[in-house]
Amino acid sequence: CTPLALGRSPTVESKMKMTQFNLHPHVNYSYDNRYYIDFNVRTDGSSQFGSSKRFAPFYSVGLGWNIHNENFFLDNPYVNRLKLRASYGMSGSQQFSSYQAMETYSYYTGDRYNIWMGAYQMALGNKNLEWQTTDKYNIGVEGEFFNSRVSVTMDVYLEKTSSLLSSLELPYSNGFDSYTENIGAVENKGFELAASLWLLRDTERRVMWSVTGNLSYNKDKITKLSDAMKAANEKLAKNGGSNPNRILREGDSQNVIYAVPSLGIDPSSGEEIFLKKNGEVTKLWDSADRVNCGISEPKYRGNLSTMVRYKDLTFNMSFGYRWGGQLYNQTLIDRVENADKRYNVDERVFNDRWQKPGDKTFFKGINVTTTSNYSSRFVQDETSFWCQNMNLTYELRDQKWMRCLGVSVINATIGTGELFYWSTIKRERGISYPFSRQYTMSLSVMF
């Protein structure tokens, strides 16, 4: 059991004092190396928050059971370690700068009226601005099998974040363009799975081969939004915006791609055909018709890696993968349909566009001058697999000539990154060259 810690740490910014306060008791207990419990509680306070929401309590508790230490498991020839655990914890966040909860003023130092100096308001305050808090629930299992040649870890989690902190845009008539507020709540749930396998493990001959991998799944949902955020998002949905992912609605993911449903290109005219919310077919794009057309985050993602060692040579490879999500291919709009034909352009601007009645194409007619907007035609399913890095290392040690020079270890490494990238979506370069392949060589000497 640790003693109570009582602290007070002032900080000074902009000629004002911010005060923080914390109280932090912590208790843990273990019995016979089989059962354990850990309990932690703390209370944090800060004048950075609104005057009505200075303090916030945070606590966590964890439980564990080492099944492999039970009598009925001691002689098991296949299971080396098996552990069950569960935990709950609450954490907080201060994702805004100091004094955003306060109304602050400044003097006019260069102008006076008669002998008096005036003052003006610098920022809007929010006395109800509070901590952004997250409740985290987790159940997991860990195991090692067959003389620790196989290791597996799995966790199932649920995270509920409330009092989300965000900056809201304000009409210019307020005199300020933004305002910090607790806008709502978000829920994340999913699982994480990791495993490793030793295919070869001969330490005497220094011959080893291991394979590891992990897989994660996450689904997020907005469970609550403030009235101000709802109004702002519905205004954005009606009037358009600069990003098809900006609209937030209760019950949807934070990463929803909102676009107008497309029925494709009309073979008779080369114009795009849209589907309105009321079911009507039209050639007029309307921002108010945007609907959920996909989620820009993959359902599943993970990594794979392998290590092969033979005496002084070690070879490592790692790969990444993801699937189950969508991407909005803005590059196709910028480089093809909205490209200025007077300049050097992608060849698809002239070769892949609709040209005459009867053509069935993905891109609208080159004679259509209307600007392309957010359309489900550019929402594409993504499945990707790529090589993150690959390297070969040769290690020298305990050589006679090295001892004469006072050298203990020499490592020579050659490697490459992003050697290949396979995806269901063609990787468009655009104008910023978003990917590259790297090749490296290194030599390290330890004395």
Protein backbone atom coordinates (compact mmCIF):
# COMPACT_ATOMS: atom_id res chain seq x y z
CA CYS A 1 0.00 0.00 0.00
CA THR A 2 1.55 3.32 -1.03
CA PRO A 3 1.20 6.49 1.05
CA LEU A 4 -1.13 9.27 -0.01
CA ALA A 5 0.41 11.86 -2.30
CA LEU A 6 -0.85 15.41 -2.00
CA GLY A 7 0.55 17.89 -4.49
CA ARG A 8 0.00 21.47 -5.58
CA SER A 9 1.82 22.75 -8.65
CA PRO A 10 1.16 26.31 -9.87
CA THR A 11 2.09 27.45 -13.38
CA VAL A 12 2.17 31.03 -14.63
CA GLU A 13 1.13 32.03 -18.15
CA SER A 14 0.05 35.34 -19.60
CA LYS A 15 0.34 37.03 -16.19
CA MET A 16 -2.28 34.71 -14.70
CA LYS A 17 -1.83 31.74 -12.40
CA MET A 18 -3.12 28.24 -13.19
CA THR A 19 -3.43 25.86 -10.23
CA GLN A 20 -3.51 22.05 -10.28
CA PHE A 21 -4.37 19.69 -7.43
CA ASN A 22 -4.18 15.89 -7.16
CA LEU A 23 -4.85 13.22 -4.51
CA HIS A 24 -3.61 9.73 -5.38
CA PRO A 25 -3.97 6.61 -3.14
CA HIS A 26 -2.98 3.22 -4.61
CA VAL A 27 -3.46 -0.33 -3.22
CA ASN A 28 -2.47 -3.71 -4.66
CA TYR A 29 -2.61 -7.23 -3.22
CA SER A 30 -1.43 -10.65 -4.41
CA TYR A 31 -2.22 -14.06 -2.89
CA ASP A 32 -0.06 -17.14 -3.46
CA ASN A 33 1.02 -15.89 -6.90
CA ARG A 34 -2.41 -17.00 -8.15
CA TYR A 35 -4.82 -14.12 -7.51
CA TYR A 36 -4.18 -10.43 -7.51
CA ILE A 37 -6.06 -7.17 -7.33
CA ASP A 38 -4.92 -3.64 -7.99
CA PHE A 39 -6.92 -0.54 -7.03
CA ASN A 40 -6.11 3.04 -7.86
CA VAL A 41 -8.05 6.26 -7.24
CA ARG A 42 -7.17 9.87 -7.75
CA THR A 43 -8.88 13.23 -7.71
CA ASP A 44 -7.56 15.92 -10.01
CA GLY A 45 -8.49 19.56 -9.96
CA SER A 46 -7.43 22.40 -12.20
CA SER A 47 -8.39 26.02 -12.61
CA GLN A 48 -7.95 25.41 -16.33
CA PHE A 49 -11.57 24.15 -16.33
CA GLY A 50 -14.75 26.08 -15.76
CA SER A 51 -15.42 27.47 -12.31
CA SER A 52 -18.34 25.01 -11.90
CA LYS A 53 -16.30 21.93 -12.94
CA ARG A 54 -12.92 22.24 -11.18
CA PHE A 55 -12.54 18.67 -9.86
CA ALA A 56 -12.83 15.21 -11.41
CA PRO A 57 -12.35 11.79 -9.72
CA PHE A 58 -10.56 9.00 -11.64
CA TYR A 59 -10.19 5.41 -10.51
CA SER A 60 -9.30 1.96 -11.79
CA VAL A 61 -9.39 -1.64 -10.62
CA GLY A 62 -7.74 -4.75 -12.07
CA LEU A 63 -8.23 -8.45 -11.29
CA GLY A 64 -6.04 -11.36 -12.35
CA TRP A 65 -5.92 -15.15 -12.03
CA ASN A 66 -2.80 -17.18 -12.80
CA ILE A 67 -4.48 -20.47 -13.72
CA HIS A 68 -1.14 -22.16 -14.44
CA ASN A 69 -0.25 -21.95 -10.73
CA GLU A 70 -3.30 -23.91 -9.63
CA ASN A 71 -2.72 -27.47 -8.41
CA PHE A 72 -4.74 -29.02 -11.23
CA PHE A 73 -2.48 -27.27 -13.80
CA LEU A 74 0.98 -27.80 -12.32
CA ASP A 75 1.70 -31.03 -14.21
CA ASN A 76 0.18 -29.98 -17.54
CA PRO A 77 2.79 -30.77 -20.24
CA TYR A 78 1.30 -28.44 -22.86
CA VAL A 79 0.41 -25.26 -20.98
CA ASN A 80 3.30 -23.23 -19.55
CA ARG A 81 1.36 -20.13 -18.61
CA LEU A 82 -2.34 -19.25 -18.64
CA LYS A 83 -3.66 -16.04 -17.17
CA LEU A 84 -7.11 -14.42 -17.06
CA ARG A 85 -7.48 -10.74 -16.29
CA ALA A 86 -10.13 -8.05 -16.21
CA SER A 87 -9.94 -4.33 -15.57
CA TYR A 88 -11.92 -1.14 -15.41
CA GLY A 89 -10.47 2.34 -15.39
CA MET A 90 -11.38 5.97 -15.91
CA SER A 91 -9.02 8.49 -17.43
CA GLY A 92 -9.26 12.18 -18.22
CA SER A 93 -8.02 14.57 -20.86
CA GLN A 94 -7.31 18.30 -21.04
CA GLN A 95 -7.26 18.82 -24.80
CA PHE A 96 -7.42 22.57 -24.83
CA SER A 97 -5.08 25.41 -23.95
CA SER A 98 -5.03 27.30 -20.70
CA TYR A 99 -7.69 29.94 -19.97
CA GLN A 100 -10.15 28.78 -22.66
CA ALA A 101 -12.69 28.37 -19.86
CA MET A 102 -12.15 31.96 -18.76
CA GLU A 103 -13.32 35.27 -20.10
CA THR A 104 -10.10 37.21 -20.59
CA TYR A 105 -9.61 40.90 -21.28
CA SER A 106 -6.78 43.14 -22.35
CA TYR A 107 -6.20 46.89 -22.10
CA TYR A 108 -5.91 49.26 -25.02
CA THR A 109 -2.39 50.49 -24.36
CA GLY A 110 -2.07 52.74 -27.40
CA ASP A 111 -5.36 54.67 -27.13
CA ARG A 112 -7.08 56.59 -24.37
CA TYR A 113 -10.32 58.47 -23.91
CA ASN A 114 -9.60 61.59 -21.89
CA ILE A 115 -7.34 60.09 -19.17
CA TRP A 116 -8.94 56.62 -19.12
CA MET A 117 -7.72 53.40 -20.74
CA GLY A 118 -10.29 51.03 -22.23
CA ALA A 119 -10.36 47.23 -22.27
CA TYR A 120 -11.60 44.64 -24.76
CA GLN A 121 -12.59 40.99 -24.41
CA MET A 122 -10.04 38.54 -25.83
CA ALA A 123 -11.89 35.22 -25.43
CA LEU A 124 -15.27 33.78 -24.48
CA GLY A 125 -15.42 31.84 -21.25
CA ASN A 126 -17.32 28.66 -20.38
CA LYS A 127 -17.85 28.12 -16.67
CA ASN A 128 -19.27 24.62 -17.34
CA LEU A 129 -16.27 23.35 -19.34
CA GLU A 130 -15.26 20.03 -17.74
CA TRP A 131 -12.84 17.14 -18.09
CA GLN A 132 -13.14 14.83 -21.07
CA THR A 133 -13.39 11.39 -19.41
CA THR A 134 -13.11 7.85 -20.76
CA ASP A 135 -14.41 4.68 -19.06
CA LYS A 136 -12.38 1.65 -20.18
CA TYR A 137 -13.52 -1.97 -19.70
CA ASN A 138 -11.21 -4.83 -20.63
CA ILE A 139 -11.19 -8.64 -20.41
CA GLY A 140 -8.10 -10.52 -21.54
CA VAL A 141 -6.34 -13.85 -21.60
CA GLU A 142 -2.64 -14.65 -21.98
CA GLY A 143 -1.12 -18.05 -22.64
CA GLU A 144 2.13 -19.84 -23.51
CA PHE A 145 2.07 -23.39 -24.81
CA PHE A 146 4.36 -26.25 -25.88
CA ASN A 147 7.45 -25.19 -23.96
CA SER A 148 6.70 -21.52 -24.69
CA ARG A 149 6.95 -22.06 -28.45
CA VAL A 150 3.47 -20.60 -28.91
CA SER A 151 2.28 -17.41 -27.21
CA VAL A 152 -1.22 -15.95 -27.51
CA THR A 153 -2.76 -12.78 -26.08
CA MET A 154 -6.35 -11.65 -26.59
CA ASP A 155 -8.24 -8.64 -25.26
CA VAL A 156 -11.85 -7.55 -25.64
CA TYR A 157 -12.55 -3.92 -24.74
CA LEU A 158 -15.21 -1.27 -24.47
CA GLU A 159 -14.38 2.44 -24.16
CA LYS A 160 -16.94 5.14 -23.46
CA THR A 161 -15.73 8.71 -23.80
CA SER A 162 -17.99 11.45 -22.47
CA SER A 163 -17.81 15.24 -22.36
CA LEU A 164 -15.84 15.34 -25.62
CA LEU A 165 -13.88 18.57 -25.97
CA SER A 166 -14.11 20.43 -29.25
CA SER A 167 -14.03 23.91 -30.70
CA LEU A 168 -17.33 25.09 -32.20
CA GLU A 169 -17.48 27.70 -34.94
CA LEU A 170 -19.49 30.82 -34.14
CA PRO A 171 -21.17 33.43 -36.37
CA TYR A 172 -18.99 36.49 -36.88
CA SER A 173 -21.64 38.60 -35.17
CA ASN A 174 -20.42 37.17 -31.85
CA GLY A 175 -17.06 38.83 -32.25
CA PHE A 176 -15.30 35.45 -31.91
CA ASP A 177 -14.92 32.69 -34.49
CA SER A 178 -14.88 29.71 -32.08
CA TYR A 179 -15.94 28.51 -28.65
CA THR A 180 -14.70 25.49 -26.63
CA GLU A 181 -17.46 23.19 -25.35
CA ASN A 182 -18.15 19.61 -24.20
CA ILE A 183 -19.99 18.42 -27.29
CA GLY A 184 -20.99 14.79 -26.66
CA ALA A 185 -19.97 11.16 -26.14
CA VAL A 186 -18.36 8.41 -28.23
CA GLU A 187 -18.21 4.62 -27.76
CA ASN A 188 -15.42 2.37 -29.04
CA LYS A 189 -15.53 -1.42 -28.82
CA GLY A 190 -13.49 -4.21 -30.33
CA PHE A 191 -10.79 -6.77 -29.74
CA GLU A 192 -7.04 -7.24 -30.14
CA LEU A 193 -5.35 -10.57 -30.85
CA ALA A 194 -1.59 -11.22 -30.91
CA ALA A 195 0.30 -14.49 -31.39
CA SER A 196 3.90 -15.62 -31.85
CA LEU A 197 5.32 -18.96 -32.94
CA TRP A 198 8.87 -20.35 -32.79
CA LEU A 199 9.23 -22.65 -35.79
CA LEU A 200 12.92 -23.24 -34.96
CA ARG A 201 14.66 -22.48 -31.67
CA ASP A 202 18.11 -24.07 -31.44
CA THR A 203 20.07 -21.71 -29.23
CA GLU A 204 23.21 -23.86 -29.15
CA ARG A 205 23.59 -23.89 -32.94
CA ARG A 206 22.18 -20.35 -33.16
CA VAL A 207 19.47 -21.33 -35.62
CA MET A 208 16.10 -19.63 -35.03
CA TRP A 209 12.94 -18.82 -36.91
CA SER A 210 9.97 -17.00 -35.40
CA VAL A 211 6.68 -15.66 -36.78
CA THR A 212 4.51 -13.07 -35.01
CA GLY A 213 1.28 -11.35 -35.90
CA ASN A 214 -1.53 -9.25 -34.50
CA LEU A 215 -5.08 -8.39 -35.50
CA SER A 216 -7.30 -5.64 -34.16
CA TYR A 217 -10.93 -4.72 -34.72
CA ASN A 218 -12.57 -1.49 -33.63
CA LYS A 219 -16.01 0.00 -34.11
CA ASP A 220 -16.82 3.51 -32.92
CA LYS A 221 -20.19 5.18 -32.53
CA ILE A 222 -21.27 8.68 -31.55
CA THR A 223 -23.75 8.17 -28.72
CA LYS A 224 -24.50 11.78 -27.83
CA LEU A 225 -24.07 15.26 -29.31
CA SER A 226 -24.83 18.63 -27.80
CA ASP A 227 -27.64 20.68 -29.33
CA ALA A 228 -25.09 23.23 -30.59
CA MET A 229 -23.07 20.52 -32.37
CA LYS A 230 -26.22 19.00 -33.91
CA ALA A 231 -27.25 22.38 -35.29
CA ALA A 232 -23.75 23.07 -36.64
CA ASN A 233 -23.55 19.69 -38.37
CA GLU A 234 -26.99 19.89 -39.96
CA LYS A 235 -26.07 23.32 -41.30
CA LEU A 236 -22.87 21.81 -42.72
CA ALA A 237 -24.81 18.91 -44.25
CA LYS A 238 -27.20 21.32 -45.96
CA ASN A 239 -24.73 23.93 -47.16
CA GLY A 240 -21.80 21.65 -48.03
CA GLY A 241 -18.26 21.73 -46.67
CA SER A 242 -14.63 21.11 -47.50
CA ASN A 243 -14.49 17.49 -46.37
CA PRO A 244 -16.89 14.54 -46.91
CA ASN A 245 -16.00 13.25 -43.40
CA ARG A 246 -16.80 16.34 -41.33
CA ILE A 247 -20.48 15.70 -40.56
CA LEU A 248 -21.14 14.15 -37.12
CA ARG A 249 -24.43 12.46 -36.25
CA GLU A 250 -25.64 10.39 -33.32
CA GLY A 251 -25.54 6.66 -34.02
CA ASP A 252 -22.88 6.99 -36.75
CA SER A 253 -19.12 6.58 -36.67
CA GLN A 254 -16.88 9.64 -36.40
CA ASN A 255 -15.32 8.55 -39.70
CA VAL A 256 -18.42 8.23 -41.88
CA ILE A 257 -18.02 9.33 -45.51
CA TYR A 258 -21.07 11.40 -46.45
CA ALA A 259 -21.69 11.71 -50.19
CA VAL A 260 -24.61 11.94 -52.62
CA PRO A 261 -25.59 8.47 -53.97
CA SER A 262 -24.54 8.14 -57.60
CA LEU A 263 -26.24 5.99 -60.26
CA GLY A 264 -23.29 6.38 -62.62
CA ILE A 265 -22.75 8.25 -65.88
CA ASP A 266 -25.64 8.68 -68.29
CA PRO A 267 -24.50 6.97 -71.57
CA SER A 268 -26.62 9.39 -73.61
CA SER A 269 -25.22 12.67 -72.27
CA GLY A 270 -22.09 11.95 -70.22
CA GLU A 271 -23.62 13.58 -67.13
CA GLU A 272 -23.72 12.01 -63.69
CA ILE A 273 -27.06 10.75 -62.36
CA PHE A 274 -27.82 11.16 -58.63
CA LEU A 275 -30.39 9.66 -56.27
CA LYS A 276 -32.16 12.11 -53.96
CA LYS A 277 -33.23 11.24 -50.42
CA ASN A 278 -36.87 11.04 -51.50
CA GLY A 279 -36.00 8.44 -54.17
CA GLU A 280 -36.11 10.75 -57.17
CA VAL A 281 -33.49 10.54 -59.91
CA THR A 282 -31.78 13.81 -60.85
CA LYS A 283 -28.75 15.26 -62.61
CA LEU A 284 -28.47 18.10 -60.10
CA TRP A 285 -26.07 17.58 -57.19
CA ASP A 286 -27.50 18.74 -53.84
CA SER A 287 -25.47 18.73 -50.62
CA ALA A 288 -28.64 18.00 -48.62
CA ASP A 289 -28.88 14.57 -50.31
CA ARG A 290 -25.62 13.30 -48.78
CA VAL A 291 -25.93 9.99 -46.90
CA ASN A 292 -23.67 7.46 -45.19
CA CYS A 293 -21.64 5.84 -47.99
CA GLY A 294 -18.91 4.12 -45.99
CA ILE A 295 -16.41 4.48 -43.15
CA SER A 296 -12.88 5.72 -43.75
CA GLU A 297 -11.38 3.52 -41.01
CA PRO A 298 -10.82 -0.23 -41.69
CA LYS A 299 -12.71 -2.77 -39.60
CA TYR A 300 -9.59 -4.92 -39.29
CA ARG A 301 -5.93 -4.05 -39.30
CA GLY A 302 -2.72 -5.62 -38.13
CA ASN A 303 0.89 -6.59 -38.71
CA LEU A 304 2.86 -9.72 -39.59
CA SER A 305 6.57 -10.21 -39.06
CA THR A 306 9.17 -12.96 -39.20
CA MET A 307 12.75 -13.31 -38.02
CA VAL A 308 15.23 -15.89 -39.33
CA ARG A 309 18.66 -16.28 -37.74
CA TYR A 310 21.51 -18.51 -38.85
CA LYS A 311 24.66 -18.03 -36.79
CA ASP A 312 25.82 -14.45 -37.47
CA LEU A 313 23.16 -13.65 -40.07
CA THR A 314 19.72 -12.28 -39.12
CA PHE A 315 16.91 -11.57 -41.57
CA ASN A 316 13.78 -9.60 -40.57
CA MET A 317 10.61 -8.85 -42.51
CA SER A 318 7.45 -7.05 -41.41
CA PHE A 319 4.17 -6.47 -43.23
CA GLY A 320 1.01 -4.49 -42.62
CA TYR A 321 -2.56 -5.16 -43.70
CA ARG A 322 -6.06 -3.76 -43.40
CA TRP A 323 -9.50 -4.47 -44.83
CA GLY A 324 -13.17 -3.71 -44.31
CA GLY A 325 -13.08 0.07 -44.81
CA GLN A 326 -13.60 2.61 -47.56
CA LEU A 327 -11.69 5.61 -48.86
CA TYR A 328 -12.88 8.67 -50.71
CA ASN A 329 -10.64 8.98 -53.77
CA GLN A 330 -10.32 12.76 -53.97
CA THR A 331 -7.31 12.43 -56.27
CA LEU A 332 -9.48 11.10 -59.12
CA ILE A 333 -11.63 14.23 -58.86
CA ASP A 334 -8.67 16.61 -58.73
CA ARG A 335 -6.56 14.92 -61.42
CA VAL A 336 -9.24 13.83 -63.86
CA GLU A 337 -12.73 15.31 -63.63
CA ASN A 338 -11.85 18.74 -62.20
CA ALA A 339 -8.47 19.03 -63.93
CA ASP A 340 -7.82 22.13 -66.02
CA LYS A 341 -7.49 20.82 -69.60
CA ARG A 342 -5.35 23.82 -70.59
CA TYR A 343 -2.38 22.45 -68.66
CA ASN A 344 -0.40 19.22 -68.49
CA VAL A 345 -2.93 16.67 -67.20
CA ASP A 346 -3.38 12.96 -66.54
CA GLU A 347 -3.98 11.02 -69.77
CA ARG A 348 -7.30 9.78 -68.37
CA VAL A 349 -8.67 13.31 -68.76
CA PHE A 350 -8.87 12.66 -72.53
CA ASN A 351 -8.77 8.88 -72.92
CA ASP A 352 -11.13 7.58 -70.20
CA ARG A 353 -13.89 10.19 -70.28
CA TRP A 354 -17.30 9.93 -71.95
CA GLN A 355 -16.98 11.20 -75.53
CA LYS A 356 -20.05 10.18 -77.55
CA PRO A 357 -23.58 8.80 -76.96
CA GLY A 358 -23.49 5.14 -76.02
CA ASP A 359 -20.13 5.29 -74.18
CA LYS A 360 -20.18 3.51 -70.83
CA THR A 361 -17.46 5.09 -68.68
CA PHE A 362 -16.58 5.76 -65.06
CA PHE A 363 -15.73 9.42 -65.70
CA LYS A 364 -18.26 11.96 -66.91
CA GLY A 365 -18.01 13.63 -70.30
CA ILE A 366 -15.12 15.90 -71.11
CA ASN A 367 -17.66 18.46 -72.37
CA VAL A 368 -19.47 18.57 -69.00
CA THR A 369 -18.26 21.74 -67.29
CA THR A 370 -19.98 21.39 -63.90
CA THR A 371 -17.59 20.78 -61.00
CA SER A 372 -17.62 17.27 -59.52
CA ASN A 373 -18.67 17.15 -55.87
CA TYR A 374 -18.94 14.48 -53.18
CA SER A 375 -20.37 11.45 -54.94
CA SER A 376 -20.58 7.80 -53.91
CA ARG A 377 -18.94 7.08 -57.29
CA PHE A 378 -15.59 7.93 -55.69
CA VAL A 379 -16.11 5.90 -52.48
CA GLN A 380 -14.00 2.75 -52.92
CA ASP A 381 -13.63 -0.40 -50.80
CA GLU A 382 -10.07 -0.79 -49.51
CA THR A 383 -8.10 -3.96 -48.81
CA SER A 384 -4.34 -3.45 -48.58
CA PHE A 385 -1.20 -5.47 -47.87
CA TRP A 386 2.27 -3.94 -47.88
CA CYS A 387 5.87 -4.61 -46.87
CA GLN A 388 6.79 -2.23 -44.05
CA ASN A 389 10.48 -3.08 -43.93
CA MET A 390 13.00 -5.79 -44.70
CA ASN A 391 16.60 -5.95 -43.47
CA LEU A 392 19.58 -8.30 -43.33
CA THR A 393 22.16 -7.97 -40.54
CA TYR A 394 25.58 -9.58 -40.21
CA GLU A 395 27.12 -9.51 -36.73
CA LEU A 396 30.77 -10.09 -35.83
CA ARG A 397 32.07 -10.55 -32.29
CA ASP A 398 34.91 -12.26 -30.39
CA GLN A 399 37.33 -12.25 -33.32
CA LYS A 400 41.06 -12.18 -32.64
CA TRP A 401 41.73 -9.19 -34.87
CA MET A 402 38.84 -7.35 -33.25
CA ARG A 403 40.26 -7.85 -29.78
CA CYS A 404 43.55 -6.41 -31.00
CA LEU A 405 41.73 -3.27 -32.07
CA GLY A 406 39.62 -3.15 -28.92
CA VAL A 407 36.40 -3.77 -30.88
CA SER A 408 33.70 -5.88 -29.20
CA VAL A 409 30.88 -5.97 -31.81
CA ILE A 410 30.48 -5.01 -35.48
CA ASN A 411 27.05 -4.87 -37.15
CA ALA A 412 26.50 -4.37 -40.88
CA THR A 413 22.91 -3.93 -42.05
CA ILE A 414 21.19 -3.42 -45.39
CA GLY A 415 17.46 -2.77 -45.54
CA THR A 416 14.52 -1.40 -47.44
CA GLY A 417 11.13 0.06 -46.58
CA GLU A 418 7.84 0.05 -48.50
CA LEU A 419 9.24 -2.51 -50.96
CA PHE A 420 5.74 -3.20 -52.28
CA TYR A 421 2.16 -2.10 -51.69
CA TRP A 422 -0.85 -4.08 -52.92
CA SER A 423 -4.32 -2.59 -52.65
CA THR A 424 -7.77 -2.78 -54.19
CA ILE A 425 -7.46 1.00 -54.68
CA LYS A 426 -4.84 2.22 -57.12
CA ARG A 427 -2.31 4.32 -55.26
CA GLU A 428 -2.57 7.73 -56.88
CA ARG A 429 0.45 9.97 -56.61
CA GLY A 430 -1.42 13.25 -56.98
CA ILE A 431 0.89 16.24 -56.66
CA SER A 432 2.45 15.50 -53.26
CA TYR A 433 4.07 12.07 -53.91
CA PRO A 434 2.51 10.33 -50.88
CA PHE A 435 4.70 7.22 -50.92
CA SER A 436 8.32 6.29 -51.55
CA ARG A 437 10.71 3.35 -51.26
CA GLN A 438 13.73 3.68 -49.00
CA TYR A 439 17.00 1.77 -49.18
CA THR A 440 19.53 1.95 -46.35
CA MET A 441 22.97 0.65 -45.43
CA SER A 442 24.52 1.03 -41.98
CA LEU A 443 27.65 -0.04 -40.13
CA SER A 444 28.01 0.14 -36.35
CA VAL A 445 31.09 -0.58 -34.27
CA MET A 446 31.13 -1.01 -30.49
CA PHE A 447 34.38 -0.70 -28.52
